[in-house]
Amino acid sequence: MVERLIGAVLILTGNHGMLFLFIWAVMGGNVDIVELLLKHSADVDANTGSFKGTDGRILGPTALHIALDPRAWYPGDEDDEDREDYHEDYLKIARILVEKGASVRGVLDQLQVNDVPSFEGFKDV
């Protein structure tokens, strides 16, 4: 069912829909949806396109930035106190992104000391 919905979104919106769904899934800590979207060619280095760089490129935090520090990019609201319960899900998403080849450039400063062992074996990290 979910795969059909993703297929429909892609048909109707193309890459923009994939980008939106992918970033949304990462922000929400939805590991299964992130994996499914990656299976359907989501860009592991997708960014939010929040601003334009001096060279004209569209930039913003990447999916990996968001997964490593979701509160910095998506603060939520006061009712979202249990977001810390999802820390392991965000860490799992970050690990999946790195395994799939996401660029780690500029994101290591967001890695919390306690999380470093989760990335043991990744030479870039």
PDB file of N, CA and C in Angstrom:
ATOM      1  N   MET A   1       0.819  -1.190   0.000  1.00  0.00           N
ATOM      2  CA  MET A   1       0.000   0.000   0.000  1.00  0.00           C
ATOM      3  C   MET A   1       0.869   1.262   0.000  1.00  0.00           C
ATOM      4  N   VAL A   2       1.840   1.299   0.920  1.00  0.00           N
ATOM      5  CA  VAL A   2       2.707   2.473   1.003  1.00  0.00           C
ATOM      6  C   VAL A   2       3.511   2.621  -0.283  1.00  0.00           C
ATOM      7  N   GLU A   3       3.990   1.512  -0.828  1.00  0.00           N
ATOM      8  CA  GLU A   3       4.762   1.574  -2.073  1.00  0.00           C
ATOM      9  C   GLU A   3       3.918   2.141  -3.207  1.00  0.00           C
ATOM     10  N   ARG A   4       2.655   1.780  -3.261  1.00  0.00           N
ATOM     11  CA  ARG A   4       1.767   2.324  -4.306  1.00  0.00           C
ATOM     12  C   ARG A   4       1.578   3.822  -4.122  1.00  0.00           C
ATOM     13  N   LEU A   5       1.438   4.241  -2.868  1.00  0.00           N
ATOM     14  CA  LEU A   5       1.280   5.668  -2.581  1.00  0.00           C
ATOM     15  C   LEU A   5       2.528   6.436  -3.006  1.00  0.00           C
ATOM     16  N   ILE A   6       3.688   5.891  -2.687  1.00  0.00           N
ATOM     17  CA  ILE A   6       4.939   6.532  -3.096  1.00  0.00           C
ATOM     18  C   ILE A   6       5.019   6.597  -4.614  1.00  0.00           C
ATOM     19  N   GLY A   7       4.655   5.521  -5.276  1.00  0.00           N
ATOM     20  CA  GLY A   7       4.637   5.502  -6.739  1.00  0.00           C
ATOM     21  C   GLY A   7       3.727   6.572  -7.305  1.00  0.00           C
ATOM     22  N   ALA A   8       2.554   6.734  -6.716  1.00  0.00           N
ATOM     23  CA  ALA A   8       1.606   7.750  -7.184  1.00  0.00           C
ATOM     24  C   ALA A   8       2.165   9.156  -6.988  1.00  0.00           C
ATOM     25  N   VAL A   9       2.779   9.387  -5.830  1.00  0.00           N
ATOM     26  CA  VAL A   9       3.374  10.702  -5.566  1.00  0.00           C
ATOM     27  C   VAL A   9       4.457  10.999  -6.599  1.00  0.00           C
ATOM     28  N   LEU A  10       5.289  10.013  -6.898  1.00  0.00           N
ATOM     29  CA  LEU A  10       6.364  10.209  -7.867  1.00  0.00           C
ATOM     30  C   LEU A  10       5.820  10.487  -9.258  1.00  0.00           C
ATOM     31  N   ILE A  11       4.770   9.797  -9.650  1.00  0.00           N
ATOM     32  CA  ILE A  11       4.160  10.038 -10.958  1.00  0.00           C
ATOM     33  C   ILE A  11       3.608  11.453 -11.030  1.00  0.00           C
ATOM     34  N   LEU A  12       2.958  11.893  -9.960  1.00  0.00           N
ATOM     35  CA  LEU A  12       2.320  13.210  -9.963  1.00  0.00           C
ATOM     36  C   LEU A  12       3.295  14.365  -9.763  1.00  0.00           C
ATOM     37  N   THR A  13       4.354  14.138  -8.995  1.00  0.00           N
ATOM     38  CA  THR A  13       5.223  15.261  -8.629  1.00  0.00           C
ATOM     39  C   THR A  13       6.672  15.105  -9.038  1.00  0.00           C
ATOM     40  N   GLY A  14       7.076  13.937  -9.487  1.00  0.00           N
ATOM     41  CA  GLY A  14       8.456  13.717  -9.896  1.00  0.00           C
ATOM     42  C   GLY A  14       9.421  13.812  -8.731  1.00  0.00           C
ATOM     43  N   ASN A  15      10.610  14.289  -9.019  1.00  0.00           N
ATOM     44  CA  ASN A  15      11.666  14.346  -8.008  1.00  0.00           C
ATOM     45  C   ASN A  15      11.335  15.257  -6.832  1.00  0.00           C
ATOM     46  N   HIS A  16      10.540  16.305  -7.074  1.00  0.00           N
ATOM     47  CA  HIS A  16      10.188  17.208  -5.972  1.00  0.00           C
ATOM     48  C   HIS A  16       9.398  16.475  -4.900  1.00  0.00           C
ATOM     49  N   GLY A  17       8.492  15.591  -5.338  1.00  0.00           N
ATOM     50  CA  GLY A  17       7.719  14.806  -4.380  1.00  0.00           C
ATOM     51  C   GLY A  17       8.594  13.849  -3.608  1.00  0.00           C
ATOM     52  N   MET A  18       9.533  13.228  -4.292  1.00  0.00           N
ATOM     53  CA  MET A  18      10.465  12.301  -3.628  1.00  0.00           C
ATOM     54  C   MET A  18      11.272  13.055  -2.586  1.00  0.00           C
ATOM     55  N   LEU A  19      11.791  14.227  -2.954  1.00  0.00           N
ATOM     56  CA  LEU A  19      12.578  15.034  -2.024  1.00  0.00           C
ATOM     57  C   LEU A  19      11.758  15.375  -0.785  1.00  0.00           C
ATOM     58  N   PHE A  20      10.530  15.843  -0.995  1.00  0.00           N
ATOM     59  CA  PHE A  20       9.670  16.206   0.130  1.00  0.00           C
ATOM     60  C   PHE A  20       9.413  15.006   1.031  1.00  0.00           C
ATOM     61  N   LEU A  21       9.027  13.881   0.447  1.00  0.00           N
ATOM     62  CA  LEU A  21       8.744  12.683   1.239  1.00  0.00           C
ATOM     63  C   LEU A  21       9.977  12.213   2.004  1.00  0.00           C
ATOM     64  N   PHE A  22      11.124  12.248   1.338  1.00  0.00           N
ATOM     65  CA  PHE A  22      12.357  11.777   1.954  1.00  0.00           C
ATOM     66  C   PHE A  22      12.746  12.643   3.147  1.00  0.00           C
ATOM     67  N   ILE A  23      12.766  13.943   2.961  1.00  0.00           N
ATOM     68  CA  ILE A  23      13.123  14.854   4.050  1.00  0.00           C
ATOM     69  C   ILE A  23      12.100  14.732   5.182  1.00  0.00           C
ATOM     70  N   TRP A  24      10.822  14.628   4.837  1.00  0.00           N
ATOM     71  CA  TRP A  24       9.768  14.461   5.839  1.00  0.00           C
ATOM     72  C   TRP A  24       9.996  13.181   6.652  1.00  0.00           C
ATOM     73  N   ALA A  25      10.324  12.081   5.980  1.00  0.00           N
ATOM     74  CA  ALA A  25      10.552  10.811   6.665  1.00  0.00           C
ATOM     75  C   ALA A  25      11.754  10.902   7.595  1.00  0.00           C
ATOM     76  N   VAL A  26      12.819  11.562   7.155  1.00  0.00           N
ATOM     77  CA  VAL A  26      14.001  11.730   8.004  1.00  0.00           C
ATOM     78  C   VAL A  26      13.647  12.594   9.214  1.00  0.00           C
ATOM     79  N   MET A  27      12.964  13.713   8.988  1.00  0.00           N
ATOM     80  CA  MET A  27      12.583  14.598  10.094  1.00  0.00           C
ATOM     81  C   MET A  27      11.724  13.870  11.118  1.00  0.00           C
ATOM     82  N   GLY A  28      10.874  12.973  10.646  1.00  0.00           N
ATOM     83  CA  GLY A  28       9.990  12.246  11.542  1.00  0.00           C
ATOM     84  C   GLY A  28      10.610  11.019  12.165  1.00  0.00           C
ATOM     85  N   GLY A  29      11.837  10.687  11.769  1.00  0.00           N
ATOM     86  CA  GLY A  29      12.493   9.507  12.315  1.00  0.00           C
ATOM     87  C   GLY A  29      11.862   8.205  11.844  1.00  0.00           C
ATOM     88  N   ASN A  30      11.285   8.221  10.648  1.00  0.00           N
ATOM     89  CA  ASN A  30      10.590   7.053  10.101  1.00  0.00           C
ATOM     90  C   ASN A  30      11.559   6.150   9.337  1.00  0.00           C
ATOM     91  N   VAL A  31      12.198   5.250  10.042  1.00  0.00           N
ATOM     92  CA  VAL A  31      13.234   4.389   9.468  1.00  0.00           C
ATOM     93  C   VAL A  31      12.699   3.587   8.282  1.00  0.00           C
ATOM     94  N   ASP A  32      11.546   2.959   8.437  1.00  0.00           N
ATOM     95  CA  ASP A  32      11.000   2.114   7.373  1.00  0.00           C
ATOM     96  C   ASP A  32      10.716   2.907   6.101  1.00  0.00           C
ATOM     97  N   ILE A  33      10.169   4.100   6.259  1.00  0.00           N
ATOM     98  CA  ILE A  33       9.856   4.930   5.095  1.00  0.00           C
ATOM     99  C   ILE A  33      11.146   5.410   4.430  1.00  0.00           C
ATOM    100  N   VAL A  34      12.139   5.791   5.237  1.00  0.00           N
ATOM    101  CA  VAL A  34      13.440   6.206   4.686  1.00  0.00           C
ATOM    102  C   VAL A  34      14.026   5.071   3.853  1.00  0.00           C
ATOM    103  N   GLU A  35      14.027   3.860   4.396  1.00  0.00           N
ATOM    104  CA  GLU A  35      14.562   2.707   3.653  1.00  0.00           C
ATOM    105  C   GLU A  35      13.788   2.463   2.363  1.00  0.00           C
ATOM    106  N   LEU A  36      12.468   2.567   2.431  1.00  0.00           N
ATOM    107  CA  LEU A  36      11.631   2.357   1.255  1.00  0.00           C
ATOM    108  C   LEU A  36      11.919   3.406   0.180  1.00  0.00           C
ATOM    109  N   LEU A  37      12.054   4.662   0.595  1.00  0.00           N
ATOM    110  CA  LEU A  37      12.337   5.730  -0.371  1.00  0.00           C
ATOM    111  C   LEU A  37      13.730   5.575  -0.977  1.00  0.00           C
ATOM    112  N   LEU A  38      14.685   5.150  -0.184  1.00  0.00           N
ATOM    113  CA  LEU A  38      16.025   4.896  -0.728  1.00  0.00           C
ATOM    114  C   LEU A  38      15.972   3.771  -1.750  1.00  0.00           C
ATOM    115  N   LYS A  39      15.138   2.782  -1.491  1.00  0.00           N
ATOM    116  CA  LYS A  39      14.944   1.678  -2.440  1.00  0.00           C
ATOM    117  C   LYS A  39      14.373   2.197  -3.773  1.00  0.00           C
ATOM    118  N   HIS A  40      13.622   3.293  -3.672  1.00  0.00           N
ATOM    119  CA  HIS A  40      13.026   3.914  -4.863  1.00  0.00           C
ATOM    120  C   HIS A  40      13.846   5.106  -5.352  1.00  0.00           C
ATOM    121  N   SER A  41      15.142   5.066  -5.092  1.00  0.00           N
ATOM    122  CA  SER A  41      16.102   6.043  -5.634  1.00  0.00           C
ATOM    123  C   SER A  41      16.073   7.422  -5.003  1.00  0.00           C
ATOM    124  N   ALA A  42      15.687   7.530  -3.744  1.00  0.00           N
ATOM    125  CA  ALA A  42      15.817   8.828  -3.068  1.00  0.00           C
ATOM    126  C   ALA A  42      17.298   9.177  -3.002  1.00  0.00           C
ATOM    127  N   ASP A  43      17.601  10.452  -3.076  1.00  0.00           N
ATOM    128  CA  ASP A  43      18.976  10.940  -3.057  1.00  0.00           C
ATOM    129  C   ASP A  43      19.495  10.993  -1.621  1.00  0.00           C
ATOM    130  N   VAL A  44      20.520  10.200  -1.294  1.00  0.00           N
ATOM    131  CA  VAL A  44      21.057  10.172   0.077  1.00  0.00           C
ATOM    132  C   VAL A  44      21.634  11.527   0.483  1.00  0.00           C
ATOM    133  N   ASP A  45      21.981  12.351  -0.477  1.00  0.00           N
ATOM    134  CA  ASP A  45      22.512  13.681  -0.178  1.00  0.00           C
ATOM    135  C   ASP A  45      21.471  14.776  -0.375  1.00  0.00           C
ATOM    136  N   ALA A  46      20.204  14.401  -0.368  1.00  0.00           N
ATOM    137  CA  ALA A  46      19.132  15.387  -0.544  1.00  0.00           C
ATOM    138  C   ALA A  46      19.252  16.476   0.513  1.00  0.00           C
ATOM    139  N   ASN A  47      18.962  17.706   0.099  1.00  0.00           N
ATOM    140  CA  ASN A  47      18.948  18.797   1.073  1.00  0.00           C
ATOM    141  C   ASN A  47      17.619  19.531   0.979  1.00  0.00           C
ATOM    142  N   THR A  48      17.344  20.338   1.967  1.00  0.00           N
ATOM    143  CA  THR A  48      16.043  20.997   2.069  1.00  0.00           C
ATOM    144  C   THR A  48      15.864  22.149   1.098  1.00  0.00           C
ATOM    145  N   GLY A  49      16.942  22.620   0.489  1.00  0.00           N
ATOM    146  CA  GLY A  49      16.822  23.740  -0.448  1.00  0.00           C
ATOM    147  C   GLY A  49      16.353  25.014   0.225  1.00  0.00           C
ATOM    148  N   SER A  50      16.782  25.219   1.456  1.00  0.00           N
ATOM    149  CA  SER A  50      16.328  26.354   2.251  1.00  0.00           C
ATOM    150  C   SER A  50      16.894  27.698   1.797  1.00  0.00           C
ATOM    151  N   PHE A  51      18.044  27.683   1.127  1.00  0.00           N
ATOM    152  CA  PHE A  51      18.658  28.943   0.714  1.00  0.00           C
ATOM    153  C   PHE A  51      19.535  28.717  -0.507  1.00  0.00           C
ATOM    154  N   LYS A  52      19.935  29.826  -1.120  1.00  0.00           N
ATOM    155  CA  LYS A  52      20.782  29.770  -2.300  1.00  0.00           C
ATOM    156  C   LYS A  52      22.192  30.189  -1.916  1.00  0.00           C
ATOM    157  N   GLY A  53      23.191  29.384  -2.308  1.00  0.00           N
ATOM    158  CA  GLY A  53      24.584  29.690  -2.027  1.00  0.00           C
ATOM    159  C   GLY A  53      25.077  30.835  -2.892  1.00  0.00           C
ATOM    160  N   THR A  54      26.241  31.364  -2.568  1.00  0.00           N
ATOM    161  CA  THR A  54      26.806  32.476  -3.326  1.00  0.00           C
ATOM    162  C   THR A  54      27.091  32.087  -4.771  1.00  0.00           C
ATOM    163  N   ASP A  55      27.261  30.786  -5.013  1.00  0.00           N
ATOM    164  CA  ASP A  55      27.503  30.318  -6.377  1.00  0.00           C
ATOM    165  C   ASP A  55      26.209  29.975  -7.113  1.00  0.00           C
ATOM    166  N   GLY A  56      25.054  30.235  -6.468  1.00  0.00           N
ATOM    167  CA  GLY A  56      23.766  29.997  -7.108  1.00  0.00           C
ATOM    168  C   GLY A  56      23.173  28.623  -6.843  1.00  0.00           C
ATOM    169  N   ARG A  57      23.960  27.741  -6.213  1.00  0.00           N
ATOM    170  CA  ARG A  57      23.431  26.406  -5.916  1.00  0.00           C
ATOM    171  C   ARG A  57      22.392  26.486  -4.799  1.00  0.00           C
ATOM    172  N   ILE A  58      21.394  25.616  -4.885  1.00  0.00           N
ATOM    173  CA  ILE A  58      20.387  25.517  -3.840  1.00  0.00           C
ATOM    174  C   ILE A  58      20.965  24.650  -2.718  1.00  0.00           C
ATOM    175  N   LEU A  59      20.946  25.171  -1.508  1.00  0.00           N
ATOM    176  CA  LEU A  59      21.565  24.503  -0.366  1.00  0.00           C
ATOM    177  C   LEU A  59      20.575  24.362   0.787  1.00  0.00           C
ATOM    178  N   GLY A  60      21.016  23.753   1.828  1.00  0.00           N
ATOM    179  CA  GLY A  60      20.227  23.570   3.042  1.00  0.00           C
ATOM    180  C   GLY A  60      20.745  22.358   3.763  1.00  0.00           C
ATOM    181  N   PRO A  61      20.238  22.107   4.943  1.00  0.00           N
ATOM    182  CA  PRO A  61      20.699  20.921   5.652  1.00  0.00           C
ATOM    183  C   PRO A  61      20.350  19.663   4.859  1.00  0.00           C
ATOM    184  N   THR A  62      21.268  18.708   4.880  1.00  0.00           N
ATOM    185  CA  THR A  62      21.023  17.448   4.182  1.00  0.00           C
ATOM    186  C   THR A  62      20.232  16.515   5.089  1.00  0.00           C
ATOM    187  N   ALA A  63      19.785  15.412   4.516  1.00  0.00           N
ATOM    188  CA  ALA A  63      19.085  14.395   5.299  1.00  0.00           C
ATOM    189  C   ALA A  63      19.967  13.922   6.453  1.00  0.00           C
ATOM    190  N   LEU A  64      21.276  13.804   6.206  1.00  0.00           N
ATOM    191  CA  LEU A  64      22.189  13.363   7.257  1.00  0.00           C
ATOM    192  C   LEU A  64      22.309  14.406   8.363  1.00  0.00           C
ATOM    193  N   HIS A  65      22.377  15.695   8.009  1.00  0.00           N
ATOM    194  CA  HIS A  65      22.377  16.751   9.022  1.00  0.00           C
ATOM    195  C   HIS A  65      21.158  16.595   9.929  1.00  0.00           C
ATOM    196  N   ILE A  66      20.004  16.433   9.300  1.00  0.00           N
ATOM    197  CA  ILE A  66      18.747  16.355  10.044  1.00  0.00           C
ATOM    198  C   ILE A  66      18.728  15.126  10.945  1.00  0.00           C
ATOM    199  N   ALA A  67      19.173  13.982  10.421  1.00  0.00           N
ATOM    200  CA  ALA A  67      19.151  12.754  11.213  1.00  0.00           C
ATOM    201  C   ALA A  67      20.071  12.847  12.435  1.00  0.00           C
ATOM    202  N   LEU A  68      21.191  13.520  12.290  1.00  0.00           N
ATOM    203  CA  LEU A  68      22.136  13.626  13.404  1.00  0.00           C
ATOM    204  C   LEU A  68      21.704  14.641  14.453  1.00  0.00           C
ATOM    205  N   ASP A  69      20.931  15.634  14.057  1.00  0.00           N
ATOM    206  CA  ASP A  69      20.504  16.656  15.014  1.00  0.00           C
ATOM    207  C   ASP A  69      19.130  17.190  14.611  1.00  0.00           C
ATOM    208  N   PRO A  70      18.081  16.365  14.740  1.00  0.00           N
ATOM    209  CA  PRO A  70      16.761  16.775  14.260  1.00  0.00           C
ATOM    210  C   PRO A  70      16.208  18.015  14.945  1.00  0.00           C
ATOM    211  N   ARG A  71      16.505  18.209  16.208  1.00  0.00           N
ATOM    212  CA  ARG A  71      15.965  19.390  16.903  1.00  0.00           C
ATOM    213  C   ARG A  71      16.549  20.701  16.377  1.00  0.00           C
ATOM    214  N   ALA A  72      17.768  20.649  15.875  1.00  0.00           N
ATOM    215  CA  ALA A  72      18.378  21.864  15.334  1.00  0.00           C
ATOM    216  C   ALA A  72      17.654  22.321  14.071  1.00  0.00           C
ATOM    217  N   TRP A  73      17.150  21.356  13.300  1.00  0.00           N
ATOM    218  CA  TRP A  73      16.522  21.679  12.017  1.00  0.00           C
ATOM    219  C   TRP A  73      15.009  21.627  12.062  1.00  0.00           C
ATOM    220  N   TYR A  74      14.476  20.887  13.039  1.00  0.00           N
ATOM    221  CA  TYR A  74      13.039  20.712  13.155  1.00  0.00           C
ATOM    222  C   TYR A  74      12.689  20.703  14.638  1.00  0.00           C
ATOM    223  N   PRO A  75      12.560  21.901  15.217  1.00  0.00           N
ATOM    224  CA  PRO A  75      12.389  21.976  16.663  1.00  0.00           C
ATOM    225  C   PRO A  75      11.095  21.364  17.198  1.00  0.00           C
ATOM    226  N   GLY A  76      10.083  21.191  16.365  1.00  0.00           N
ATOM    227  CA  GLY A  76       8.818  20.639  16.854  1.00  0.00           C
ATOM    228  C   GLY A  76       8.092  21.655  17.714  1.00  0.00           C
ATOM    229  N   ASP A  77       7.280  21.167  18.625  1.00  0.00           N
ATOM    230  CA  ASP A  77       6.555  22.062  19.518  1.00  0.00           C
ATOM    231  C   ASP A  77       6.590  21.515  20.939  1.00  0.00           C
ATOM    232  N   GLU A  78       5.937  22.239  21.861  1.00  0.00           N
ATOM    233  CA  GLU A  78       5.976  21.824  23.266  1.00  0.00           C
ATOM    234  C   GLU A  78       5.371  20.440  23.481  1.00  0.00           C
ATOM    235  N   ASP A  79       4.426  20.042  22.640  1.00  0.00           N
ATOM    236  CA  ASP A  79       3.769  18.740  22.793  1.00  0.00           C
ATOM    237  C   ASP A  79       4.645  17.592  22.318  1.00  0.00           C
ATOM    238  N   ASP A  80       5.811  17.898  21.798  1.00  0.00           N
ATOM    239  CA  ASP A  80       6.670  16.884  21.200  1.00  0.00           C
ATOM    240  C   ASP A  80       7.792  16.460  22.157  1.00  0.00           C
ATOM    241  N   GLU A  81       7.460  16.332  23.450  1.00  0.00           N
ATOM    242  CA  GLU A  81       8.470  16.020  24.459  1.00  0.00           C
ATOM    243  C   GLU A  81       9.071  14.630  24.292  1.00  0.00           C
ATOM    244  N   ASP A  82       8.335  13.701  23.688  1.00  0.00           N
ATOM    245  CA  ASP A  82       8.843  12.335  23.567  1.00  0.00           C
ATOM    246  C   ASP A  82       9.748  12.146  22.359  1.00  0.00           C
ATOM    247  N   ARG A  83      10.131  13.221  21.692  1.00  0.00           N
ATOM    248  CA  ARG A  83      10.995  13.118  20.522  1.00  0.00           C
ATOM    249  C   ARG A  83      12.331  12.461  20.870  1.00  0.00           C
ATOM    250  N   GLU A  84      12.803  12.648  22.097  1.00  0.00           N
ATOM    251  CA  GLU A  84      14.050  12.018  22.534  1.00  0.00           C
ATOM    252  C   GLU A  84      13.946  10.495  22.479  1.00  0.00           C
ATOM    253  N   ASP A  85      12.734   9.965  22.622  1.00  0.00           N
ATOM    254  CA  ASP A  85      12.537   8.516  22.541  1.00  0.00           C
ATOM    255  C   ASP A  85      12.918   7.976  21.178  1.00  0.00           C
ATOM    256  N   TYR A  86      12.945   8.839  20.185  1.00  0.00           N
ATOM    257  CA  TYR A  86      13.239   8.419  18.819  1.00  0.00           C
ATOM    258  C   TYR A  86      14.723   8.547  18.469  1.00  0.00           C
ATOM    259  N   HIS A  87      15.559   8.898  19.441  1.00  0.00           N
ATOM    260  CA  HIS A  87      16.977   9.124  19.175  1.00  0.00           C
ATOM    261  C   HIS A  87      17.605   7.949  18.430  1.00  0.00           C
ATOM    262  N   GLU A  88      17.316   6.750  18.851  1.00  0.00           N
ATOM    263  CA  GLU A  88      17.889   5.566  18.200  1.00  0.00           C
ATOM    264  C   GLU A  88      17.428   5.455  16.746  1.00  0.00           C
ATOM    265  N   ASP A  89      16.187   5.851  16.470  1.00  0.00           N
ATOM    266  CA  ASP A  89      15.696   5.815  15.091  1.00  0.00           C
ATOM    267  C   ASP A  89      16.466   6.807  14.217  1.00  0.00           C
ATOM    268  N   TYR A  90      16.691   8.005  14.751  1.00  0.00           N
ATOM    269  CA  TYR A  90      17.459   8.993  13.986  1.00  0.00           C
ATOM    270  C   TYR A  90      18.880   8.502  13.747  1.00  0.00           C
ATOM    271  N   LEU A  91      19.463   7.889  14.756  1.00  0.00           N
ATOM    272  CA  LEU A  91      20.816   7.351  14.637  1.00  0.00           C
ATOM    273  C   LEU A  91      20.854   6.234  13.592  1.00  0.00           C
ATOM    274  N   LYS A  92      19.832   5.405  13.579  1.00  0.00           N
ATOM    275  CA  LYS A  92      19.751   4.334  12.588  1.00  0.00           C
ATOM    276  C   LYS A  92      19.634   4.915  11.181  1.00  0.00           C
ATOM    277  N   ILE A  93      18.827   5.967  11.036  1.00  0.00           N
ATOM    278  CA  ILE A  93      18.693   6.626   9.731  1.00  0.00           C
ATOM    279  C   ILE A  93      20.039   7.197   9.297  1.00  0.00           C
ATOM    280  N   ALA A  94      20.739   7.848  10.211  1.00  0.00           N
ATOM    281  CA  ALA A  94      22.053   8.416   9.881  1.00  0.00           C
ATOM    282  C   ALA A  94      23.000   7.320   9.415  1.00  0.00           C
ATOM    283  N   ARG A  95      22.980   6.220  10.107  1.00  0.00           N
ATOM    284  CA  ARG A  95      23.852   5.096   9.751  1.00  0.00           C
ATOM    285  C   ARG A  95      23.497   4.545   8.362  1.00  0.00           C
ATOM    286  N   ILE A  96      22.211   4.414   8.089  1.00  0.00           N
ATOM    287  CA  ILE A  96      21.756   3.942   6.779  1.00  0.00           C
ATOM    288  C   ILE A  96      22.238   4.894   5.684  1.00  0.00           C
ATOM    289  N   LEU A  97      22.100   6.192   5.929  1.00  0.00           N
ATOM    290  CA  LEU A  97      22.512   7.187   4.934  1.00  0.00           C
ATOM    291  C   LEU A  97      24.015   7.087   4.660  1.00  0.00           C
ATOM    292  N   VAL A  98      24.796   6.952   5.723  1.00  0.00           N
ATOM    293  CA  VAL A  98      26.252   6.829   5.547  1.00  0.00           C
ATOM    294  C   VAL A  98      26.575   5.540   4.792  1.00  0.00           C
ATOM    295  N   GLU A  99      25.908   4.449   5.165  1.00  0.00           N
ATOM    296  CA  GLU A  99      26.132   3.173   4.472  1.00  0.00           C
ATOM    297  C   GLU A  99      25.805   3.271   2.990  1.00  0.00           C
ATOM    298  N   LYS A 100      24.798   4.081   2.657  1.00  0.00           N
ATOM    299  CA  LYS A 100      24.375   4.242   1.263  1.00  0.00           C
ATOM    300  C   LYS A 100      25.204   5.285   0.518  1.00  0.00           C
ATOM    301  N   GLY A 101      26.194   5.885   1.207  1.00  0.00           N
ATOM    302  CA  GLY A 101      27.105   6.797   0.527  1.00  0.00           C
ATOM    303  C   GLY A 101      26.865   8.275   0.730  1.00  0.00           C
ATOM    304  N   ALA A 102      26.051   8.646   1.697  1.00  0.00           N
ATOM    305  CA  ALA A 102      25.817  10.073   1.954  1.00  0.00           C
ATOM    306  C   ALA A 102      27.133  10.756   2.332  1.00  0.00           C
ATOM    307  N   SER A 103      27.306  11.957   1.849  1.00  0.00           N
ATOM    308  CA  SER A 103      28.500  12.729   2.166  1.00  0.00           C
ATOM    309  C   SER A 103      28.502  13.091   3.647  1.00  0.00           C
ATOM    310  N   VAL A 104      29.630  12.872   4.312  1.00  0.00           N
ATOM    311  CA  VAL A 104      29.745  13.224   5.726  1.00  0.00           C
ATOM    312  C   VAL A 104      30.417  14.588   5.904  1.00  0.00           C
ATOM    313  N   ARG A 105      30.763  15.206   4.802  1.00  0.00           N
ATOM    314  CA  ARG A 105      31.431  16.510   4.864  1.00  0.00           C
ATOM    315  C   ARG A 105      30.510  17.538   5.544  1.00  0.00           C
ATOM    316  N   GLY A 106      31.025  18.173   6.580  1.00  0.00           N
ATOM    317  CA  GLY A 106      30.289  19.232   7.261  1.00  0.00           C
ATOM    318  C   GLY A 106      29.247  18.758   8.259  1.00  0.00           C
ATOM    319  N   VAL A 107      29.158  17.458   8.509  1.00  0.00           N
ATOM    320  CA  VAL A 107      28.144  16.979   9.443  1.00  0.00           C
ATOM    321  C   VAL A 107      28.734  16.379  10.716  1.00  0.00           C
ATOM    322  N   LEU A 108      30.013  16.116  10.725  1.00  0.00           N
ATOM    323  CA  LEU A 108      30.609  15.438  11.867  1.00  0.00           C
ATOM    324  C   LEU A 108      30.521  16.249  13.153  1.00  0.00           C
ATOM    325  N   ASP A 109      30.459  17.575  13.028  1.00  0.00           N
ATOM    326  CA  ASP A 109      30.351  18.401  14.222  1.00  0.00           C
ATOM    327  C   ASP A 109      29.006  18.210  14.918  1.00  0.00           C
ATOM    328  N   GLN A 110      28.045  17.585  14.255  1.00  0.00           N
ATOM    329  CA  GLN A 110      26.739  17.346  14.865  1.00  0.00           C
ATOM    330  C   GLN A 110      26.645  15.972  15.523  1.00  0.00           C
ATOM    331  N   LEU A 111      27.663  15.173  15.368  1.00  0.00           N
ATOM    332  CA  LEU A 111      27.669  13.837  15.952  1.00  0.00           C
ATOM    333  C   LEU A 111      27.950  13.946  17.446  1.00  0.00           C
ATOM    334  N   GLN A 112      27.046  13.431  18.255  1.00  0.00           N
ATOM    335  CA  GLN A 112      27.218  13.480  19.701  1.00  0.00           C
ATOM    336  C   GLN A 112      28.235  12.418  20.127  1.00  0.00           C
ATOM    337  N   VAL A 113      29.009  12.740  21.145  1.00  0.00           N
ATOM    338  CA  VAL A 113      30.081  11.857  21.604  1.00  0.00           C
ATOM    339  C   VAL A 113      29.555  10.449  21.883  1.00  0.00           C
ATOM    340  N   ASN A 114      28.421  10.335  22.526  1.00  0.00           N
ATOM    341  CA  ASN A 114      27.861   9.018  22.849  1.00  0.00           C
ATOM    342  C   ASN A 114      27.491   8.211  21.616  1.00  0.00           C
ATOM    343  N   ASP A 115      27.319   8.886  20.480  1.00  0.00           N
ATOM    344  CA  ASP A 115      26.896   8.212  19.258  1.00  0.00           C
ATOM    345  C   ASP A 115      28.063   7.732  18.396  1.00  0.00           C
ATOM    346  N   VAL A 116      29.264   8.167  18.705  1.00  0.00           N
ATOM    347  CA  VAL A 116      30.438   7.807  17.897  1.00  0.00           C
ATOM    348  C   VAL A 116      30.580   6.292  17.712  1.00  0.00           C
ATOM    349  N   PRO A 117      30.405   5.473  18.755  1.00  0.00           N
ATOM    350  CA  PRO A 117      30.550   4.029  18.560  1.00  0.00           C
ATOM    351  C   PRO A 117      29.578   3.435  17.520  1.00  0.00           C
ATOM    352  N   SER A 118      28.466   4.090  17.276  1.00  0.00           N
ATOM    353  CA  SER A 118      27.509   3.605  16.282  1.00  0.00           C
ATOM    354  C   SER A 118      28.071   3.678  14.872  1.00  0.00           C
ATOM    355  N   PHE A 119      29.123   4.453  14.694  1.00  0.00           N
ATOM    356  CA  PHE A 119      29.692   4.636  13.367  1.00  0.00           C
ATOM    357  C   PHE A 119      31.077   4.005  13.260  1.00  0.00           C
ATOM    358  N   GLU A 120      31.395   3.137  14.200  1.00  0.00           N
ATOM    359  CA  GLU A 120      32.659   2.415  14.166  1.00  0.00           C
ATOM    360  C   GLU A 120      32.719   1.592  12.881  1.00  0.00           C
ATOM    361  N   GLY A 121      33.839   1.655  12.220  1.00  0.00           N
ATOM    362  CA  GLY A 121      33.988   0.912  10.975  1.00  0.00           C
ATOM    363  C   GLY A 121      33.781   1.764   9.736  1.00  0.00           C
ATOM    364  N   PHE A 122      33.256   2.982   9.900  1.00  0.00           N
ATOM    365  CA  PHE A 122      33.113   3.899   8.772  1.00  0.00           C
ATOM    366  C   PHE A 122      34.358   4.776   8.734  1.00  0.00           C
ATOM    367  N   LYS A 123      35.232   4.549   7.764  1.00  0.00           N
ATOM    368  CA  LYS A 123      36.495   5.267   7.762  1.00  0.00           C
ATOM    369  C   LYS A 123      36.329   6.771   7.585  1.00  0.00           C
ATOM    370  N   ASP A 124      35.269   7.227   6.880  1.00  0.00           N
ATOM    371  CA  ASP A 124      35.052   8.660   6.683  1.00  0.00           C
ATOM    372  C   ASP A 124      34.572   9.355   7.944  1.00  0.00           C
ATOM    373  N   VAL A 125      33.978   8.582   8.842  1.00  0.00           N
ATOM    374  CA  VAL A 125      33.440   9.153  10.062  1.00  0.00           C
ATOM    375  C   VAL A 125      34.486   9.026  11.145  1.00  0.00           C
TER     376      VAL A 125
END
